C-alpha atoms as a PDB file:
ATOM      1  CA  UNK A   1      -1.170  -8.155 -22.300  1.00  0.00           C
ATOM      2  CA  UNK A   2       1.625  -5.934 -21.028  1.00  0.00           C
ATOM      3  CA  UNK A   3       2.867  -6.485 -17.476  1.00  0.00           C
ATOM      4  CA  UNK A   4       2.680  -3.120 -15.704  1.00  0.00           C
ATOM      5  CA  UNK A   5       3.448  -4.479 -12.228  1.00  0.00           C
ATOM      6  CA  UNK A   6       5.976  -2.676 -10.076  1.00  0.00           C
ATOM      7  CA  UNK A   7       8.917  -4.617  -8.681  1.00  0.00           C
ATOM      8  CA  UNK A   8       9.074  -4.906  -4.897  1.00  0.00           C
ATOM      9  CA  UNK A   9      11.931  -6.170  -2.763  1.00  0.00           C
ATOM     10  CA  UNK A  10      12.522  -7.252   0.805  1.00  0.00           C
ATOM     11  CA  UNK A  11      15.865  -5.772   1.873  1.00  0.00           C
ATOM     12  CA  UNK A  12      18.109  -7.665   4.304  1.00  0.00           C
ATOM     13  CA  UNK A  13      20.147  -5.903   6.991  1.00  0.00           C
ATOM     14  CA  UNK A  14      23.209  -6.200   4.737  1.00  0.00           C
ATOM     15  CA  UNK A  15      21.371  -4.399   1.902  1.00  0.00           C
ATOM     16  CA  UNK A  16      20.714  -7.496  -0.206  1.00  0.00           C
ATOM     17  CA  UNK A  17      17.470  -7.238  -2.207  1.00  0.00           C
ATOM     18  CA  UNK A  18      15.088 -10.204  -2.469  1.00  0.00           C
ATOM     19  CA  UNK A  19      12.358  -9.918  -5.114  1.00  0.00           C
ATOM     20  CA  UNK A  20       8.800 -10.204  -3.750  1.00  0.00           C
ATOM     21  CA  UNK A  21       6.413 -11.812  -6.215  1.00  0.00           C
ATOM     22  CA  UNK A  22       2.982 -10.471  -5.232  1.00  0.00           C
ATOM     23  CA  UNK A  23       0.060  -8.456  -6.556  1.00  0.00           C
ATOM     24  CA  UNK A  24      -0.187  -6.453  -3.336  1.00  0.00           C
ATOM     25  CA  UNK A  25       1.741  -5.998  -0.100  1.00  0.00           C
ATOM     26  CA  UNK A  26      -0.181  -5.752   3.166  1.00  0.00           C
ATOM     27  CA  UNK A  27       1.372  -3.933   6.118  1.00  0.00           C
ATOM     28  CA  UNK A  28      -0.220  -4.178   9.573  1.00  0.00           C
ATOM     29  CA  UNK A  29      -0.052  -1.080  11.752  1.00  0.00           C
ATOM     30  CA  UNK A  30      -1.701  -1.753  15.075  1.00  0.00           C
ATOM     31  CA  UNK A  31      -5.233  -2.962  14.344  1.00  0.00           C
ATOM     32  CA  UNK A  32      -5.347  -1.555  10.802  1.00  0.00           C
ATOM     33  CA  UNK A  33      -3.809  -2.582   7.499  1.00  0.00           C
ATOM     34  CA  UNK A  34      -2.362  -0.593   4.618  1.00  0.00           C
ATOM     35  CA  UNK A  35      -2.362  -2.318   1.251  1.00  0.00           C
ATOM     36  CA  UNK A  36       0.194  -1.317  -1.393  1.00  0.00           C
ATOM     37  CA  UNK A  37      -0.822  -2.219  -4.950  1.00  0.00           C
ATOM     38  CA  UNK A  38       2.053  -3.544  -7.068  1.00  0.00           C
ATOM     39  CA  UNK A  39      -0.170  -3.436 -10.154  1.00  0.00           C
ATOM     40  CA  UNK A  40      -1.924  -0.102 -10.774  1.00  0.00           C
ATOM     41  CA  UNK A  41      -5.697  -0.493 -10.173  1.00  0.00           C
ATOM     42  CA  UNK A  42      -6.404   1.496 -13.373  1.00  0.00           C
ATOM     43  CA  UNK A  43      -4.193   2.609 -16.297  1.00  0.00           C
ATOM     44  CA  UNK A  44      -4.477   6.281 -15.268  1.00  0.00           C
ATOM     45  CA  UNK A  45      -2.590   5.395 -12.079  1.00  0.00           C
ATOM     46  CA  UNK A  46       0.416   3.881 -13.911  1.00  0.00           C
ATOM     47  CA  UNK A  47       3.602   5.302 -12.383  1.00  0.00           C
ATOM     48  CA  UNK A  48       1.856   6.174  -9.106  1.00  0.00           C
ATOM     49  CA  UNK A  49       1.985   4.220  -5.840  1.00  0.00           C
ATOM     50  CA  UNK A  50      -1.536   3.330  -4.670  1.00  0.00           C
ATOM     51  CA  UNK A  51      -2.160   2.725  -0.963  1.00  0.00           C
ATOM     52  CA  UNK A  52      -5.533   1.684   0.420  1.00  0.00           C
ATOM     53  CA  UNK A  53      -6.964   0.953   3.850  1.00  0.00           C
ATOM     54  CA  UNK A  54     -10.236  -0.149   5.408  1.00  0.00           C
ATOM     55  CA  UNK A  55     -12.995  -1.277   3.035  1.00  0.00           C
ATOM     56  CA  UNK A  56     -10.886  -0.325  -0.023  1.00  0.00           C
ATOM     57  CA  UNK A  57      -8.580  -3.319   0.634  1.00  0.00           C
ATOM     58  CA  UNK A  58      -9.185  -6.389  -1.531  1.00  0.00           C
ATOM     59  CA  UNK A  59     -11.532  -8.790   0.245  1.00  0.00           C
ATOM     60  CA  UNK A  60     -12.811  -6.153   2.685  1.00  0.00           C
ATOM     61  CA  UNK A  61     -15.196  -4.352   0.310  1.00  0.00           C
ATOM     62  CA  UNK A  62     -18.280  -5.325   2.319  1.00  0.00           C
ATOM     63  CA  UNK A  63     -17.061  -4.010   5.681  1.00  0.00           C
ATOM     64  CA  UNK A  64     -19.344  -1.514   7.331  1.00  0.00           C
ATOM     65  CA  UNK A  65     -18.761   1.000  10.051  1.00  0.00           C
ATOM     66  CA  UNK A  66     -17.396   4.494  10.274  1.00  0.00           C
ATOM     67  CA  UNK A  67     -14.409   3.623   8.069  1.00  0.00           C
ATOM     68  CA  UNK A  68     -10.711   4.281   8.043  1.00  0.00           C
ATOM     69  CA  UNK A  69      -8.744   7.096   6.466  1.00  0.00           C
ATOM     70  CA  UNK A  70      -5.066   7.604   5.742  1.00  0.00           C
ATOM     71  CA  UNK A  71      -3.422  10.467   7.631  1.00  0.00           C
ATOM     72  CA  UNK A  72      -0.436  11.759   5.638  1.00  0.00           C
ATOM     73  CA  UNK A  73       2.249  13.898   7.269  1.00  0.00           C
ATOM     74  CA  UNK A  74       5.326  15.218   5.463  1.00  0.00           C
ATOM     75  CA  UNK A  75       8.598  14.290   7.159  1.00  0.00           C
ATOM     76  CA  UNK A  76      10.999  15.910   4.673  1.00  0.00           C
ATOM     77  CA  UNK A  77      11.116  16.635   0.953  1.00  0.00           C
ATOM     78  CA  UNK A  78      11.487  12.894   0.282  1.00  0.00           C
ATOM     79  CA  UNK A  79       9.673  11.365   3.300  1.00  0.00           C
ATOM     80  CA  UNK A  80       5.968  10.801   4.056  1.00  0.00           C
ATOM     81  CA  UNK A  81       4.542   9.409   7.295  1.00  0.00           C
ATOM     82  CA  UNK A  82       1.257   7.528   6.738  1.00  0.00           C
ATOM     83  CA  UNK A  83      -1.058   6.433   9.554  1.00  0.00           C
ATOM     84  CA  UNK A  84      -4.353   4.548   9.132  1.00  0.00           C
ATOM     85  CA  UNK A  85      -6.944   6.074  11.470  1.00  0.00           C
ATOM     86  CA  UNK A  86     -10.417   4.696  12.187  1.00  0.00           C
ATOM     87  CA  UNK A  87     -13.138   7.330  12.122  1.00  0.00           C
END
């Protein structure tokens, strides 16, 4: 089976890259999490960065409630600001 995982790095203050070996990266913003998939969840998403929040995060599929959505704001031609917001 072909490995279609994306490479991810932690970058030190001096610019040194350190490879992160993981299937996903979880970032906490306040009380919510954003999960970044390092392996596309489906072949049609190959080459695309997939972010999930709320009940779409692995292990949280059975959560109930009003849910969480991602608010996306453009910052510049090459910048996006993403905020998880509970409904």
